[in-house]
Amino acid sequence: MADAKVIPFDDDRSRGGPERAGKGRPAGGRRRAENGEGRPSEGTGREPRGAGRTPLTAVPEASETREAPETREDHGVADGGPDGREHGGSGDRGDWDRRIASGLAFLRRRITGDYEVDEFGYDAELTDQVLVSLLRPLYEKYFRVEVLGIENIPTEGGALVVANHSGTLPWDALMLQVAVHDHHPARRALRLLAADLVFMLPIVNELARKAGHTLACSEDAQRLLERGEVVGVMPEGFKGLGKPFSERYKLQRFGRGGFVSTALRAGVPIVPCSIVGAEEIHPMIGNSRTLARLLGFPYFPITPTFPLLGPLGMLPLPTKWTIQFGEPVPMDDYPPEAAEDPMLMFNLTDQVRETIQHTLYKLLVRRRSVFF
């Protein structure tokens, strides 16, 4: 698998497209002439004998001879009619041809194994073409996510995005990944650090690896950051994800500042991120600790719809989301050995946490409604 490489999509051009039509002399030696009635007519490429004795009045002007053949696109008219609407024209056919060719090329690479996977199992092509595409309708139409401050993520080089965590199920992590992928000018990939439980679940484990997620440990995070990746971490963990609805938008502890020491050692900035809207998708009004212990889960949520409605109760409510990225907190001003200073770790961790909390309050004040 390591020897595999990604073959770029074919750039098929539609037949009769503007690039071909714009040449001064079409293939086959065809050129324009004027007949006696002033209507354009085409030659055959081979001129009959005696063509040189054509009267001078029948020869078009030099500027007309060199003029490129007109296309419908030159007049802003699509293939098919003067109203500009396409009627099965070459534009539609060309677009579908490219999509089909790209899809077939993708399937061929999947079947033959001719694609790249990094040492963590990240499959960039599968993530771009399939996984993000499946999440995008939920992101755009269902949660209608608004993104602010995306420019605070560096265009190149490593960065650590630190965000709040909530919602009972980790939809916020997935929406955060789509936000960075779709809105960042450099189309950067967000590599999320996930809990052990994610990699213990069948199917979820494989999909998480393919999407670029890796184990939430400082060693993996530092390797990714030193390679220049954008890494995402949610320090609240299950304490934030499974907190009761009565404590919504109140950040839990950020641990001992492990993410700060990782950023210090890698010399990359920390980008605080605040997510509003995820707290209300599964209002957690209770927690069955007995079932949680039996199933090996950190908590077993009880919501107004789950487990009362069964699997249907796991459908999230269509809340309106806002994701805001704050100004980066630079770490390159500190020497690497500063990661051993517990007081500095505490101060920087508290600074990032307070920035996220304050931004959450500002976004909540600005929000008109949970659903609009």
Foldseek 3Di string as FASTA:
>chain_A
DAPAADDDADDDAFPPDPVQQQAQAHPLRWWWFADPVRDIDIDRSDDDPPPVVPDPVRGDDPVRRRHGDDDCVVVCAFPDDPVNDHDPGRVVVRVVVSVVRRVVSVVVCVVVVRAHADPLRAGVVCCVPPVLVVCVCCLCPQQNEAEADLPLPDLWAEEEEEEAAEQLDGPVVVSVQSCNQPPRPNSAGEAEAADPVQCVDPPSNNVNSHSRYDHPDLVVVLVCRLVTHYYYYYQQHCVHHVPALVCPLPGDDSPQLSVVLSCLLSQHWYKYKAKPLSNQFFHFHDWDVVVCVVVVHPTDGDGPQPPVVPPVSPGTHRWHMYMYIHHIDGNNVDHSVCSVPSVVSVVVSVVSVVVRSVVNVVVVVVDPDRHD
